[in-house]
C-alpha atoms as a PDB file:
ATOM      1  CA  MET A   1     113.910 154.163 -49.624  1.00  0.00           C
ATOM      2  CA  LYS A   2     112.692 155.759 -46.404  1.00  0.00           C
ATOM      3  CA  LYS A   3     109.656 153.532 -46.296  1.00  0.00           C
ATOM      4  CA  TYR A   4     111.910 150.450 -46.073  1.00  0.00           C
ATOM      5  CA  ILE A   5     114.078 151.701 -43.188  1.00  0.00           C
ATOM      6  CA  VAL A   6     112.764 149.111 -40.698  1.00  0.00           C
ATOM      7  CA  GLU A   7     113.444 146.263 -43.102  1.00  0.00           C
ATOM      8  CA  ILE A   8     116.934 147.575 -43.846  1.00  0.00           C
ATOM      9  CA  ILE A   9     117.811 147.864 -40.154  1.00  0.00           C
ATOM     10  CA  ILE A  10     116.595 144.346 -39.395  1.00  0.00           C
ATOM     11  CA  PHE A  11     118.460 142.967 -42.403  1.00  0.00           C
ATOM     12  CA  CYS A  12     121.656 144.749 -41.282  1.00  0.00           C
ATOM     13  CA  ILE A  13     121.330 143.135 -37.869  1.00  0.00           C
ATOM     14  CA  GLN A  14     120.961 139.794 -39.625  1.00  0.00           C
ATOM     15  CA  LEU A  15     124.090 140.487 -41.678  1.00  0.00           C
ATOM     16  CA  PHE A  16     125.942 141.358 -38.465  1.00  0.00           C
ATOM     17  CA  MET A  17     124.931 138.026 -36.969  1.00  0.00           C
ATOM     18  CA  PHE A  18     126.031 136.081 -40.046  1.00  0.00           C
ATOM     19  CA  TYR A  19     129.368 137.787 -40.661  1.00  0.00           C
ATOM     20  CA  ILE A  20     130.615 139.641 -37.571  1.00  0.00           C
ATOM     21  CA  SER A  21     129.513 137.531 -34.614  1.00  0.00           C
ATOM     22  CA  PRO A  22     131.355 134.352 -35.770  1.00  0.00           C
ATOM     23  CA  LEU A  23     134.606 136.320 -35.506  1.00  0.00           C
ATOM     24  CA  PHE A  24     134.206 136.270 -31.731  1.00  0.00           C
ATOM     25  CA  ALA A  25     133.501 132.541 -31.466  1.00  0.00           C
ATOM     26  CA  GLY A  26     136.224 130.100 -30.561  1.00  0.00           C
ATOM     27  CA  PRO A  27     137.202 127.181 -32.767  1.00  0.00           C
ATOM     28  CA  THR A  28     134.926 124.773 -30.894  1.00  0.00           C
ATOM     29  CA  ASP A  29     131.937 127.098 -30.673  1.00  0.00           C
ATOM     30  CA  GLY A  30     130.741 126.595 -34.258  1.00  0.00           C
ATOM     31  CA  MET A  31     127.559 124.685 -33.479  1.00  0.00           C
ATOM     32  CA  GLY A  32     126.666 127.018 -30.631  1.00  0.00           C
ATOM     33  CA  MET A  33     127.105 129.952 -32.980  1.00  0.00           C
ATOM     34  CA  VAL A  34     124.762 128.370 -35.526  1.00  0.00           C
ATOM     35  CA  VAL A  35     122.111 127.853 -32.836  1.00  0.00           C
ATOM     36  CA  LEU A  36     122.542 131.439 -31.611  1.00  0.00           C
ATOM     37  CA  ILE A  37     122.182 132.787 -35.140  1.00  0.00           C
ATOM     38  CA  LEU A  38     119.140 130.554 -35.628  1.00  0.00           C
ATOM     39  CA  LEU A  39     117.507 132.030 -32.523  1.00  0.00           C
ATOM     40  CA  VAL A  40     118.321 135.590 -33.612  1.00  0.00           C
ATOM     41  CA  THR A  41     116.894 134.849 -37.061  1.00  0.00           C
ATOM     42  CA  LEU A  42     113.646 133.703 -35.456  1.00  0.00           C
ATOM     43  CA  ILE A  43     113.444 136.815 -33.286  1.00  0.00           C
ATOM     44  CA  LEU A  44     114.222 139.161 -36.175  1.00  0.00           C
ATOM     45  CA  SER A  45     111.673 137.539 -38.462  1.00  0.00           C
ATOM     46  CA  VAL A  46     108.952 137.727 -35.795  1.00  0.00           C
ATOM     47  CA  LEU A  47     109.867 141.371 -35.285  1.00  0.00           C
ATOM     48  CA  LEU A  48     109.817 142.108 -38.998  1.00  0.00           C
ATOM     49  CA  GLY A  49     106.531 140.283 -39.511  1.00  0.00           C
ATOM     50  CA  SER A  50     104.865 142.120 -36.665  1.00  0.00           C
ATOM     51  CA  ILE A  51     105.969 145.703 -37.384  1.00  0.00           C
ATOM     52  CA  SER A  52     106.418 145.932 -41.143  1.00  0.00           C
ATOM     53  CA  LYS A  53     103.522 146.923 -43.384  1.00  0.00           C
ATOM     54  CA  ASN A  54     105.487 146.612 -46.638  1.00  0.00           C
ATOM     55  CA  LYS A  55     105.206 143.631 -48.945  1.00  0.00           C
ATOM     56  CA  ILE A  56     108.987 143.383 -49.219  1.00  0.00           C
ATOM     57  CA  LYS A  57     108.990 141.592 -45.865  1.00  0.00           C
ATOM     58  CA  TYR A  58     107.859 138.413 -47.621  1.00  0.00           C
ATOM     59  CA  PHE A  59     111.295 138.140 -49.259  1.00  0.00           C
ATOM     60  CA  TYR A  60     113.065 138.080 -45.890  1.00  0.00           C
ATOM     61  CA  PRO A  61     113.163 134.267 -45.430  1.00  0.00           C
ATOM     62  CA  ALA A  62     114.727 133.718 -48.855  1.00  0.00           C
ATOM     63  CA  ALA A  63     117.103 136.647 -48.380  1.00  0.00           C
ATOM     64  CA  ALA A  64     118.242 135.390 -44.966  1.00  0.00           C
ATOM     65  CA  ALA A  65     118.957 131.932 -46.355  1.00  0.00           C
ATOM     66  CA  ALA A  66     120.772 133.332 -49.405  1.00  0.00           C
ATOM     67  CA  VAL A  67     122.899 135.731 -47.375  1.00  0.00           C
ATOM     68  CA  PHE A  68     123.992 132.878 -45.096  1.00  0.00           C
ATOM     69  CA  LEU A  69     125.509 130.876 -47.959  1.00  0.00           C
ATOM     70  CA  PRO A  70     128.687 132.975 -48.434  1.00  0.00           C
ATOM     71  CA  SER A  71     129.394 132.755 -44.695  1.00  0.00           C
ATOM     72  CA  VAL A  72     129.720 128.975 -45.085  1.00  0.00           C
ATOM     73  CA  PHE A  73     132.897 129.547 -47.074  1.00  0.00           C
ATOM     74  CA  LEU A  74     134.207 132.064 -44.562  1.00  0.00           C
ATOM     75  CA  TYR A  75     133.546 130.430 -41.195  1.00  0.00           C
ATOM     76  CA  TYR A  76     132.186 126.895 -41.537  1.00  0.00           C
ATOM     77  CA  ASN A  77     132.843 123.812 -43.623  1.00  0.00           C
ATOM     78  CA  GLY A  78     130.780 122.418 -46.491  1.00  0.00           C
ATOM     79  CA  THR A  79     128.383 120.566 -44.218  1.00  0.00           C
ATOM     80  CA  ALA A  80     126.931 123.900 -43.061  1.00  0.00           C
ATOM     81  CA  PHE A  81     125.145 124.427 -46.385  1.00  0.00           C
ATOM     82  CA  MET A  82     122.129 122.572 -45.010  1.00  0.00           C
ATOM     83  CA  HIS A  83     121.767 125.232 -42.316  1.00  0.00           C
ATOM     84  CA  ALA A  84     120.568 127.662 -44.992  1.00  0.00           C
ATOM     85  CA  ILE A  85     117.432 125.530 -45.221  1.00  0.00           C
ATOM     86  CA  TRP A  86     116.951 125.848 -41.472  1.00  0.00           C
ATOM     87  CA  TYR A  87     117.363 129.611 -41.661  1.00  0.00           C
ATOM     88  CA  PHE A  88     114.724 129.743 -44.371  1.00  0.00           C
ATOM     89  CA  VAL A  89     112.271 127.553 -42.425  1.00  0.00           C
ATOM     90  CA  VAL A  90     112.823 129.358 -39.119  1.00  0.00           C
ATOM     91  CA  SER A  91     112.517 132.815 -40.651  1.00  0.00           C
ATOM     92  CA  ALA A  92     109.387 131.796 -42.575  1.00  0.00           C
ATOM     93  CA  ALA A  93     107.832 130.439 -39.367  1.00  0.00           C
ATOM     94  CA  GLY A  94     108.838 133.597 -37.499  1.00  0.00           C
ATOM     95  CA  MET A  95     107.377 135.732 -40.255  1.00  0.00           C
ATOM     96  CA  LEU A  96     104.107 133.806 -39.963  1.00  0.00           C
ATOM     97  CA  VAL A  97     104.026 134.297 -36.186  1.00  0.00           C
ATOM     98  CA  GLY A  98     104.833 137.982 -36.641  1.00  0.00           C
ATOM     99  CA  MET A  99     102.032 138.430 -39.148  1.00  0.00           C
ATOM    100  CA  ILE A 100      99.585 136.768 -36.743  1.00  0.00           C
ATOM    101  CA  ILE A 101     100.727 139.175 -34.029  1.00  0.00           C
ATOM    102  CA  PHE A 102     100.328 142.103 -36.450  1.00  0.00           C
ATOM    103  CA  LYS A 103      96.785 141.015 -37.352  1.00  0.00           C
ATOM    104  CA  ALA A 104      95.880 140.572 -33.676  1.00  0.00           C
ATOM    105  CA  LEU A 105      97.192 143.990 -32.721  1.00  0.00           C
ATOM    106  CA  HIS A 106      95.561 145.806 -35.634  1.00  0.00           C
ATOM    107  CA  ARG A 107      92.217 144.032 -35.516  1.00  0.00           C
ATOM    108  CA  LYS A 108      89.267 146.383 -35.503  1.00  0.00           C
ATOM    109  CA  SER A 109      86.826 145.565 -32.752  1.00  0.00           C
END
């Protein structure tokens, strides 16, 4: 469990963004909140891809998209289901960028 502490912390931040931060948004700030969460998802996935050495990091895009789905029922309407696809795509792209950064930093010259 200790070897996954970085992944757990990043995933907890992601959970905070999905479930706690919409509580502070006004009724008309829904789309802005989705864009903010999308940006945070990109940043977290780049961070996870660049610092994690564990293979569990490859499940992060699917986990981020799956964890978003219950928040649709809590904060958004049914049209927000398609945003789970965007969270998957953005986190997969961020993971790819993070892995490229990891390879560049740990390249043996």
